[in-house]
């Protein structure tokens, strides 16, 4: 078990490196603005009333650049590009057999465990320690102990790795419902365990749960007080209102916990298009937009409703919002699906930024769990013997952009990569993301901002800089 210590973390602000200083006179480029007030708030050590974590699954720098180029052009900016503090963080996991050694390419479960608990673990585990299989307390559990409201929103199944790490402890991410427990025998309720991921999510009484995965909640509980009931029936018995479509979500009222299950499995994609293919590839193409059924809410709509319901409780809250299918379509070498999900995720970030404008005591963090396979490359030629699969897209600039998927053979699932990924933030204590940090340190930043844990033992040079700027 490894936990990274944030005591020595500090932020040095380089004025020339702040967003808005780039691109000069490029047509359509960003306009430089004065962010002084936002920057002061982010480094003055103040506490946040609310924390919103936006997580683009598999959304590395290449995936962000692809979406930006396609959707708003090379000189344009996405909403997630506008946050004033930006850094990178490392994403490695641990080896299960040798947990003192790194596994350089993480999966989503180990990655989510890192920022949900502040501890590293091995791939496949959810908020349990590598090899020793001990539970690791999550930020949602800490928040609930302090009386905060909590929420989790995703376009995947609610039992998928990223949301699962917040509200479950299990040795294998595949144990999503009571009928899926073969890899997790000691966690079965009939064995006296905590149950599947779906059961634990409900038993944790998270205030707002929105996403897909109805199939897991329709499975029958095999032990404990709710034996013989489905997980969904147990949720209703525990005080949850249930939403099954966009109209139900719109109609949901504050005052009760909400479980939104909008698809049997993962939620539908926003955009469609031709997948990448071996040389010469697919395209040039423009993607087919607006493909999500209107009965399913968008990620932005789910985010807006979650914020409305959580804010109505008139107390602090923690909310995680995941754009899950960026990763899933990257695996499938589907550039339009991938880009459409990134754009939809960016729209959800815009909703969060609107909320923060009205509630400036909100810490917003936008990041990814790991890097992925897609790369922007020159057009391939047969004489280059170019590997992988390709697709050429016609961007908002009216230019061709070629994307390559080459971490596996054509037609096979693309792989994650171990590269560090972007993390950006605004609001109280946002400056802690600057520089190169680790995923575990995000837990410290969020938990400290919400006063769930104390300050670092050593105040360090960060506070010397704050005093120099007259902020302490």
Protein backbone atom coordinates (compact mmCIF):
# COMPACT_ATOMS: atom_id res chain seq x y z
CA UNK A 1 0.00 0.00 0.00
CA UNK A 2 1.41 3.36 -0.97
CA UNK A 3 0.13 6.83 -0.22
CA UNK A 4 1.75 9.92 -1.61
CA UNK A 5 2.36 12.69 0.93
CA UNK A 6 1.24 16.18 -0.01
CA UNK A 7 3.08 17.92 2.81
CA UNK A 8 5.78 19.23 0.53
CA UNK A 9 3.51 20.16 -2.36
CA UNK A 10 3.48 23.81 -3.34
CA UNK A 11 2.63 25.91 -6.35
CA UNK A 12 4.83 28.46 -8.06
CA UNK A 13 2.90 30.70 -10.41
CA UNK A 14 4.58 31.75 -13.64
CA UNK A 15 2.60 34.64 -15.09
CA UNK A 16 3.74 33.87 -18.63
CA UNK A 17 2.38 30.33 -18.28
CA UNK A 18 -1.18 31.24 -17.36
CA UNK A 19 -3.95 30.32 -19.82
CA UNK A 20 -4.86 33.15 -22.15
CA UNK A 21 -1.26 34.15 -22.86
CA UNK A 22 -0.84 31.81 -25.83
CA UNK A 23 -1.47 31.98 -29.59
CA UNK A 24 -0.74 35.67 -29.93
CA UNK A 25 -2.73 37.13 -32.81
CA UNK A 26 -3.91 33.79 -34.20
CA UNK A 27 -7.40 34.17 -35.69
CA UNK A 28 -9.99 32.79 -33.29
CA UNK A 29 -7.41 32.46 -30.53
CA UNK A 30 -8.21 32.95 -26.87
CA UNK A 31 -8.51 36.44 -25.45
CA UNK A 32 -6.22 37.22 -22.51
CA UNK A 33 -8.20 38.03 -19.38
CA UNK A 34 -7.33 39.10 -15.86
CA UNK A 35 -7.71 36.10 -13.55
CA UNK A 36 -6.14 37.73 -10.49
CA UNK A 37 -9.13 37.29 -8.19
CA UNK A 38 -9.61 33.63 -9.11
CA UNK A 39 -5.92 32.95 -8.65
CA UNK A 40 -5.86 34.57 -5.22
CA UNK A 41 -8.77 32.46 -4.07
CA UNK A 42 -7.06 29.33 -5.32
CA UNK A 43 -3.84 29.84 -3.36
CA UNK A 44 -5.03 31.49 -0.18
CA UNK A 45 -5.70 28.24 1.66
CA UNK A 46 -9.43 28.88 2.00
CA UNK A 47 -11.86 26.01 2.20
CA UNK A 48 -14.46 24.99 -0.35
CA UNK A 49 -18.12 24.45 0.37
CA UNK A 50 -18.46 22.22 -2.68
CA UNK A 51 -16.11 20.04 -4.73
CA UNK A 52 -16.96 18.88 -8.24
CA UNK A 53 -14.58 16.37 -9.82
CA UNK A 54 -14.96 16.00 -13.59
CA UNK A 55 -13.27 12.85 -14.87
CA UNK A 56 -12.86 12.12 -18.57
CA UNK A 57 -12.10 8.41 -18.69
CA UNK A 58 -9.14 7.85 -21.01
CA UNK A 59 -9.05 11.58 -21.81
CA UNK A 60 -5.33 12.15 -22.26
CA UNK A 61 -3.82 15.21 -23.92
CA UNK A 62 -4.19 13.62 -27.34
CA UNK A 63 -7.90 12.99 -26.82
CA UNK A 64 -8.42 16.59 -25.67
CA UNK A 65 -6.51 17.92 -28.68
CA UNK A 66 -8.49 15.76 -31.10
CA UNK A 67 -11.80 17.07 -29.71
CA UNK A 68 -10.58 20.67 -29.70
CA UNK A 69 -9.29 20.56 -33.28
CA UNK A 70 -12.41 18.86 -34.56
CA UNK A 71 -15.04 20.81 -32.64
CA UNK A 72 -13.71 24.36 -32.29
CA UNK A 73 -10.52 24.40 -34.38
CA UNK A 74 -6.85 24.46 -33.45
CA UNK A 75 -7.02 28.05 -32.18
CA UNK A 76 -10.27 27.50 -30.30
CA UNK A 77 -10.69 26.53 -26.69
CA UNK A 78 -12.94 24.03 -24.93
CA UNK A 79 -14.53 24.85 -21.59
CA UNK A 80 -12.08 22.51 -19.88
CA UNK A 81 -9.22 24.57 -21.33
CA UNK A 82 -10.30 27.67 -19.43
CA UNK A 83 -9.55 26.60 -15.87
CA UNK A 84 -6.75 28.84 -14.55
CA UNK A 85 -4.52 26.22 -12.89
CA UNK A 86 -3.16 23.34 -14.93
CA UNK A 87 -0.64 20.63 -14.15
CA UNK A 88 -0.06 16.97 -14.89
CA UNK A 89 -0.28 13.94 -12.67
CA UNK A 90 1.18 10.46 -12.75
CA UNK A 91 -1.12 7.46 -13.00
CA UNK A 92 0.85 4.29 -12.26
CA UNK A 93 -0.72 1.47 -10.25
CA UNK A 94 0.95 -1.22 -8.10
CA UNK A 95 1.77 -4.83 -8.89
CA UNK A 96 -0.54 -7.20 -7.02
CA UNK A 97 2.18 -9.76 -6.28
CA UNK A 98 4.81 -7.13 -5.46
CA UNK A 99 2.95 -4.05 -4.19
CA UNK A 100 6.15 -2.12 -3.57
CA UNK A 101 6.72 -2.08 -7.34
CA UNK A 102 4.85 0.09 -9.87
CA UNK A 103 2.61 -1.18 -12.63
CA UNK A 104 3.21 1.60 -15.12
CA UNK A 105 -0.08 1.27 -17.02
CA UNK A 106 -3.10 1.64 -14.75
CA UNK A 107 -6.63 0.51 -15.35
CA UNK A 108 -9.61 2.64 -14.38
CA UNK A 109 -10.23 0.78 -11.10
CA UNK A 110 -6.78 1.28 -9.60
CA UNK A 111 -6.74 4.83 -10.92
CA UNK A 112 -10.10 5.71 -9.35
CA UNK A 113 -9.00 4.14 -6.08
CA UNK A 114 -5.99 6.48 -6.01
CA UNK A 115 -7.94 9.75 -5.97
CA UNK A 116 -10.93 8.28 -4.11
CA UNK A 117 -8.78 7.09 -1.16
CA UNK A 118 -5.30 8.63 -1.47
CA UNK A 119 -3.74 5.16 -1.76
CA UNK A 120 -2.31 3.21 -4.66
CA UNK A 121 -3.58 -0.29 -5.42
CA UNK A 122 -3.29 -2.91 -8.15
CA UNK A 123 -5.27 -3.06 -11.37
CA UNK A 124 -8.77 -4.41 -11.00
CA UNK A 125 -9.18 -3.53 -7.33
CA UNK A 126 -11.67 -1.01 -6.01
CA UNK A 127 -10.78 0.83 -2.80
CA UNK A 128 -9.00 -2.20 -1.38
CA UNK A 129 -5.27 -2.61 -0.83
CA UNK A 130 -3.03 -4.62 -3.15
CA UNK A 131 -2.43 -8.19 -1.99
CA UNK A 132 -3.69 -7.63 1.58
CA UNK A 133 -7.26 -6.82 0.43
CA UNK A 134 -7.96 -4.29 3.17
CA UNK A 135 -10.68 -1.63 2.72
CA UNK A 136 -9.48 1.90 2.02
CA UNK A 137 -11.77 4.70 3.21
CA UNK A 138 -13.05 6.86 0.36
CA UNK A 139 -13.67 10.57 0.09
CA UNK A 140 -17.42 9.92 -0.11
CA UNK A 141 -17.30 8.02 3.18
CA UNK A 142 -15.33 10.83 4.81
CA UNK A 143 -17.75 13.39 3.42
CA UNK A 144 -20.76 11.51 4.75
CA UNK A 145 -19.15 11.24 8.20
CA UNK A 146 -18.96 15.05 8.23
CA UNK A 147 -22.56 15.46 7.11
CA UNK A 148 -21.87 16.44 3.48
CA UNK A 149 -24.16 15.49 0.62
CA UNK A 150 -22.65 13.23 -2.06
CA UNK A 151 -23.27 12.39 -5.69
CA UNK A 152 -21.94 10.36 -8.59
CA UNK A 153 -22.84 10.81 -12.27
CA UNK A 154 -21.57 8.73 -15.19
CA UNK A 155 -22.40 7.72 -18.75
CA UNK A 156 -21.23 4.17 -17.97
CA UNK A 157 -22.93 1.69 -15.69
CA UNK A 158 -23.04 3.06 -12.16
CA UNK A 159 -21.16 -0.10 -11.20
CA UNK A 160 -18.30 0.59 -13.63
CA UNK A 161 -14.82 1.23 -12.21
CA UNK A 162 -14.77 5.00 -11.76
CA UNK A 163 -18.05 5.48 -9.87
CA UNK A 164 -17.58 2.13 -8.12
CA UNK A 165 -14.36 3.18 -6.39
CA UNK A 166 -16.20 5.93 -4.51
CA UNK A 167 -18.85 3.78 -2.86
CA UNK A 168 -17.63 0.19 -2.77
CA UNK A 169 -14.77 -1.97 -1.52
CA UNK A 170 -14.15 -5.13 -3.50
CA UNK A 171 -11.20 -7.13 -4.79
CA UNK A 172 -12.37 -7.31 -8.41
CA UNK A 173 -14.08 -4.63 -10.51
CA UNK A 174 -16.15 -7.23 -12.40
CA UNK A 175 -18.29 -7.99 -9.30
CA UNK A 176 -20.88 -5.43 -10.35
CA UNK A 177 -24.13 -7.13 -9.27
CA UNK A 178 -25.17 -9.98 -6.97
CA UNK A 179 -25.04 -12.44 -9.89
CA UNK A 180 -21.51 -11.33 -10.86
CA UNK A 181 -19.71 -12.32 -7.67
CA UNK A 182 -17.70 -15.39 -8.75
CA UNK A 183 -14.36 -13.49 -8.53
CA UNK A 184 -15.30 -12.02 -5.11
CA UNK A 185 -16.65 -14.92 -2.99
CA UNK A 186 -15.86 -13.44 0.41
CA UNK A 187 -17.67 -10.20 -0.49
CA UNK A 188 -20.99 -11.95 -1.19
CA UNK A 189 -23.73 -11.00 1.23
CA UNK A 190 -24.53 -14.67 1.69
CA UNK A 191 -20.96 -15.04 2.99
CA UNK A 192 -21.38 -12.10 5.37
CA UNK A 193 -19.62 -9.66 3.04
CA UNK A 194 -20.46 -6.17 1.85
CA UNK A 195 -22.07 -7.40 -1.35
CA UNK A 196 -21.60 -6.43 -4.97
CA UNK A 197 -20.75 -2.96 -6.21
CA UNK A 198 -24.43 -2.20 -6.89
CA UNK A 199 -25.45 -3.32 -3.40
CA UNK A 200 -22.71 -1.31 -1.74
CA UNK A 201 -23.55 1.85 -3.70
CA UNK A 202 -27.11 1.73 -2.37
CA UNK A 203 -26.07 0.73 1.15
CA UNK A 204 -23.72 3.74 1.23
CA UNK A 205 -26.78 6.02 0.77
CA UNK A 206 -25.10 8.28 -1.80
CA UNK A 207 -27.60 11.10 -2.28
CA UNK A 208 -27.57 11.22 -6.09
CA UNK A 209 -26.61 8.30 -8.35
CA UNK A 210 -27.16 8.86 -12.09
CA UNK A 211 -26.02 6.72 -15.01
CA UNK A 212 -26.57 3.37 -16.72
CA UNK A 213 -26.41 -0.22 -15.51
CA UNK A 214 -30.02 -1.09 -14.71
CA UNK A 215 -29.16 -4.76 -15.40
CA UNK A 216 -27.01 -4.88 -12.23
CA UNK A 217 -29.72 -3.38 -10.04
CA UNK A 218 -32.31 -5.87 -11.31
CA UNK A 219 -30.27 -8.78 -9.92
CA UNK A 220 -31.43 -10.54 -6.75
CA UNK A 221 -29.60 -10.09 -3.44
CA UNK A 222 -28.44 -13.44 -2.03
CA UNK A 223 -28.04 -12.70 1.68
CA UNK A 224 -28.59 -10.30 4.55
CA UNK A 225 -31.73 -8.41 5.51
CA UNK A 226 -32.71 -7.78 1.86
CA UNK A 227 -32.20 -11.37 0.64
CA UNK A 228 -34.62 -12.24 -2.16
CA UNK A 229 -35.13 -8.61 -3.19
CA UNK A 230 -33.54 -7.04 -6.22
CA UNK A 231 -31.01 -4.29 -5.60
CA UNK A 232 -33.54 -1.88 -7.07
CA UNK A 233 -36.20 -2.99 -4.60
CA UNK A 234 -33.68 -2.60 -1.79
CA UNK A 235 -32.91 0.94 -3.01
CA UNK A 236 -36.59 1.90 -2.92
CA UNK A 237 -36.92 0.39 0.56
CA UNK A 238 -33.95 2.52 1.65
CA UNK A 239 -35.64 5.73 0.53
CA UNK A 240 -34.49 6.18 -3.07
CA UNK A 241 -36.70 7.69 -5.74
CA UNK A 242 -35.97 6.03 -9.09
CA UNK A 243 -35.71 7.74 -12.48
CA UNK A 244 -35.69 5.68 -15.66
CA UNK A 245 -35.62 8.31 -18.40
CA UNK A 246 -34.99 11.98 -19.10
CA UNK A 247 -38.55 13.00 -18.19
CA UNK A 248 -38.26 11.26 -14.82
CA UNK A 249 -35.01 13.09 -14.18
CA UNK A 250 -36.58 16.44 -15.01
CA UNK A 251 -39.44 15.71 -12.63
CA UNK A 252 -37.24 14.65 -9.69
CA UNK A 253 -37.63 16.91 -6.66
CA UNK A 254 -35.28 17.69 -3.77
CA UNK A 255 -35.79 16.03 -0.44
CA UNK A 256 -35.09 12.39 -1.25
CA UNK A 257 -32.19 10.33 -2.54
CA UNK A 258 -32.29 9.76 -6.31
CA UNK A 259 -31.22 6.69 -8.29
CA UNK A 260 -31.25 7.33 -12.04
CA UNK A 261 -30.84 4.25 -14.26
CA UNK A 262 -31.17 5.37 -17.88
CA UNK A 263 -29.91 2.31 -19.76
CA UNK A 264 -29.65 -1.44 -19.26
CA UNK A 265 -25.86 -1.18 -19.68
CA UNK A 266 -23.76 1.80 -20.70
CA UNK A 267 -25.61 4.87 -21.89
CA UNK A 268 -25.89 5.65 -25.61
CA UNK A 269 -23.27 7.50 -27.62
CA UNK A 270 -23.67 11.12 -28.69
CA UNK A 271 -21.97 10.84 -32.12
CA UNK A 272 -21.45 8.14 -34.71
CA UNK A 273 -19.03 7.78 -37.63
CA UNK A 274 -16.73 5.41 -39.47
CA UNK A 275 -14.24 3.54 -37.28
CA UNK A 276 -10.53 3.70 -38.01
CA UNK A 277 -9.23 1.09 -40.44
CA UNK A 278 -5.83 -0.18 -41.63
CA UNK A 279 -4.10 1.82 -44.38
CA UNK A 280 -5.39 3.88 -46.09
CA UNK A 281 -7.89 4.31 -43.24
CA UNK A 282 -11.41 5.69 -43.20
CA UNK A 283 -12.57 9.16 -44.18
CA UNK A 284 -12.18 12.04 -44.75
CA UNK A 285 -15.37 12.32 -42.72
CA UNK A 286 -17.50 14.60 -40.61
CA UNK A 287 -19.17 12.90 -37.67
CA UNK A 288 -22.92 12.34 -37.38
CA UNK A 289 -24.03 14.24 -34.30
CA UNK A 290 -27.12 14.14 -32.05
CA UNK A 291 -27.42 10.35 -31.98
CA UNK A 292 -28.31 9.91 -28.30
CA UNK A 293 -31.99 8.91 -27.82
CA UNK A 294 -33.94 11.77 -26.30
CA UNK A 295 -35.26 9.42 -23.64
CA UNK A 296 -31.74 9.37 -22.20
CA UNK A 297 -30.48 12.54 -20.51
CA UNK A 298 -27.17 14.02 -21.60
CA UNK A 299 -24.21 14.14 -19.25
CA UNK A 300 -24.73 17.91 -19.00
CA UNK A 301 -28.40 17.42 -18.04
CA UNK A 302 -27.50 14.83 -15.40
CA UNK A 303 -24.82 17.16 -14.02
CA UNK A 304 -27.21 20.11 -13.86
CA UNK A 305 -29.84 18.06 -12.04
CA UNK A 306 -27.32 16.58 -9.62
CA UNK A 307 -26.08 20.06 -8.74
CA UNK A 308 -29.63 21.33 -8.27
CA UNK A 309 -30.54 18.46 -5.95
CA UNK A 310 -27.33 18.58 -3.95
CA UNK A 311 -27.34 22.37 -3.59
CA UNK A 312 -30.96 22.26 -2.39
CA UNK A 313 -29.76 20.49 0.74
CA UNK A 314 -28.08 23.76 1.81
CA UNK A 315 -24.90 22.06 2.91
CA UNK A 316 -21.54 21.18 1.43
CA UNK A 317 -21.31 18.41 -1.13
CA UNK A 318 -18.91 16.27 -3.12
CA UNK A 319 -19.89 15.33 -6.68
CA UNK A 320 -18.02 13.26 -9.23
CA UNK A 321 -19.01 13.46 -12.92
CA UNK A 322 -17.53 10.94 -15.38
CA UNK A 323 -17.50 11.04 -19.16
CA UNK A 324 -16.97 7.29 -19.44
CA UNK A 325 -17.23 6.44 -23.13
CA UNK A 326 -14.24 8.54 -24.21
CA UNK A 327 -12.23 5.55 -23.06
CA UNK A 328 -14.60 2.95 -24.46
CA UNK A 329 -14.61 4.41 -27.96
CA UNK A 330 -10.83 4.95 -27.84
CA UNK A 331 -10.51 1.20 -27.15
CA UNK A 332 -12.69 0.59 -30.21
CA UNK A 333 -10.72 2.96 -32.51
CA UNK A 334 -13.90 4.98 -33.04
CA UNK A 335 -12.81 8.62 -33.46
CA UNK A 336 -16.30 10.10 -33.88
CA UNK A 337 -17.67 8.26 -30.86
CA UNK A 338 -14.64 9.28 -28.83
CA UNK A 339 -14.72 12.94 -29.86
CA UNK A 340 -18.48 13.19 -29.39
CA UNK A 341 -18.17 11.90 -25.83
CA UNK A 342 -15.36 14.39 -25.13
CA UNK A 343 -17.51 17.25 -26.43
CA UNK A 344 -20.43 16.05 -24.29
CA UNK A 345 -18.12 15.88 -21.28
CA UNK A 346 -16.98 19.42 -22.01
CA UNK A 347 -20.61 20.56 -22.00
CA UNK A 348 -20.96 19.06 -18.52
CA UNK A 349 -17.85 20.97 -17.44
CA UNK A 350 -19.57 24.15 -18.67
CA UNK A 351 -22.50 23.37 -16.39
CA UNK A 352 -20.10 23.05 -13.47
CA UNK A 353 -18.38 26.32 -14.33
CA UNK A 354 -21.78 28.06 -14.45
CA UNK A 355 -22.52 26.69 -10.99
CA UNK A 356 -19.16 27.92 -9.70
CA UNK A 357 -19.83 31.43 -10.98
CA UNK A 358 -22.88 31.54 -8.71
CA UNK A 359 -21.07 29.65 -5.93
CA UNK A 360 -17.45 30.87 -5.88
CA UNK A 361 -16.68 28.66 -2.87
CA UNK A 362 -16.64 25.67 -5.26
CA UNK A 363 -13.48 23.75 -6.14
CA UNK A 364 -13.71 22.33 -9.66
CA UNK A 365 -11.18 19.77 -10.86
CA UNK A 366 -11.05 18.42 -14.43
CA UNK A 367 -8.80 15.48 -15.17
CA UNK A 368 -8.53 11.95 -16.59
CA UNK A 369 -7.73 8.59 -15.10
CA UNK A 370 -5.15 7.50 -17.66
CA UNK A 371 -3.86 8.20 -21.14
CA UNK A 372 -5.00 6.23 -24.17
CA UNK A 373 -4.15 5.09 -27.67
CA UNK A 374 -5.28 7.78 -30.15
CA UNK A 375 -2.61 10.02 -31.72
CA UNK A 376 -2.73 12.86 -34.25
CA UNK A 377 -0.31 11.86 -37.02
CA UNK A 378 0.68 12.91 -40.56
CA UNK A 379 -1.34 11.21 -43.30
CA UNK A 380 0.06 7.66 -43.67
CA UNK A 381 1.53 6.36 -46.88
CA UNK A 382 1.85 2.77 -48.04
CA UNK A 383 5.61 3.12 -48.43
CA UNK A 384 5.91 4.06 -44.73
CA UNK A 385 4.48 0.67 -43.70
CA UNK A 386 2.48 2.62 -41.14
CA UNK A 387 1.15 0.41 -38.30
CA UNK A 388 -2.28 0.52 -36.71
CA UNK A 389 -5.60 1.86 -37.93
CA UNK A 390 -6.37 5.35 -39.22
CA UNK A 391 -9.21 7.74 -39.82
CA UNK A 392 -9.13 11.20 -41.36
CA UNK A 393 -11.53 13.78 -40.01
CA UNK A 394 -12.50 17.15 -41.46
CA UNK A 395 -12.14 19.60 -38.59
CA UNK A 396 -13.83 22.89 -37.71
CA UNK A 397 -10.90 24.58 -39.47
CA UNK A 398 -11.91 22.89 -42.73
CA UNK A 399 -8.64 20.92 -42.70
CA UNK A 400 -7.97 17.20 -42.66
CA UNK A 401 -6.72 15.63 -39.41
CA UNK A 402 -5.52 12.04 -39.30
CA UNK A 403 -5.82 10.01 -36.11
CA UNK A 404 -3.95 6.75 -35.53
CA UNK A 405 -4.77 3.86 -33.19
CA UNK A 406 -1.67 1.69 -32.94
CA UNK A 407 -1.40 0.18 -29.44
CA UNK A 408 -2.76 -3.11 -30.77
CA UNK A 409 -3.31 -4.88 -34.07
CA UNK A 410 -6.11 -3.51 -36.26
CA UNK A 411 -9.48 -4.85 -35.14
CA UNK A 412 -8.31 -5.57 -31.60
CA UNK A 413 -8.99 -3.48 -28.53
CA UNK A 414 -6.61 -0.55 -28.12
CA UNK A 415 -4.66 -0.27 -24.89
CA UNK A 416 -4.25 2.37 -22.21
CA UNK A 417 -0.85 4.04 -22.01
CA UNK A 418 1.18 5.04 -18.97
CA UNK A 419 1.74 8.69 -19.83
CA UNK A 420 1.01 11.39 -17.26
CA UNK A 421 -2.24 13.27 -17.93
CA UNK A 422 -3.63 16.76 -17.50
CA UNK A 423 -5.25 17.99 -14.31
CA UNK A 424 -6.83 21.45 -14.15
CA UNK A 425 -8.69 23.27 -11.41
CA UNK A 426 -10.27 26.47 -10.20
CA UNK A 427 -11.54 27.61 -6.83
CA UNK A 428 -10.27 27.22 -3.28
CA UNK A 429 -6.92 25.40 -3.11
CA UNK A 430 -6.89 24.79 -6.87
CA UNK A 431 -3.21 25.78 -7.04
CA UNK A 432 -2.30 22.40 -5.59
CA UNK A 433 -2.69 20.81 -9.04
CA UNK A 434 0.12 22.90 -10.55
CA UNK A 435 3.31 21.09 -11.51
CA UNK A 436 3.72 17.31 -11.62
CA UNK A 437 1.73 15.56 -8.90
CA UNK A 438 0.25 12.08 -8.48
CA UNK A 439 -3.34 10.87 -8.54
CA UNK A 440 -3.21 10.14 -4.81
CA UNK A 441 -2.51 13.82 -4.15
CA UNK A 442 -5.84 14.77 -5.72
CA UNK A 443 -7.51 13.01 -2.80
CA UNK A 444 -5.59 15.24 -0.39
CA UNK A 445 -6.45 18.40 -2.32
CA UNK A 446 -10.18 17.64 -2.41
CA UNK A 447 -10.41 16.28 1.15
CA UNK A 448 -8.48 19.20 2.59
CA UNK A 449 -10.56 21.73 0.63
CA UNK A 450 -13.70 20.25 2.21
CA UNK A 451 -12.06 20.17 5.67
CA UNK A 452 -12.30 16.38 5.74
CA UNK A 453 -8.62 16.12 6.68
CA UNK A 454 -6.26 18.54 8.37
CA UNK A 455 -3.59 20.74 6.76
CA UNK A 456 -0.17 19.32 5.87
CA UNK A 457 2.19 18.96 8.82
CA UNK A 458 4.68 21.30 7.15
CA UNK A 459 3.39 24.52 5.68
CA UNK A 460 6.40 24.73 3.38
CA UNK A 461 7.34 27.22 0.63
CA UNK A 462 3.80 27.34 -0.80
CA UNK A 463 2.72 29.44 2.18
CA UNK A 464 5.83 31.58 1.95
CA UNK A 465 4.72 32.53 -1.56
CA UNK A 466 1.18 33.19 -0.33
CA UNK A 467 2.52 35.48 2.42
CA UNK A 468 4.72 37.27 -0.15
CA UNK A 469 1.60 37.94 -2.25
CA UNK A 470 -0.22 39.25 0.82
CA UNK A 471 -2.68 36.37 0.88
CA UNK A 472 -1.86 35.17 4.40
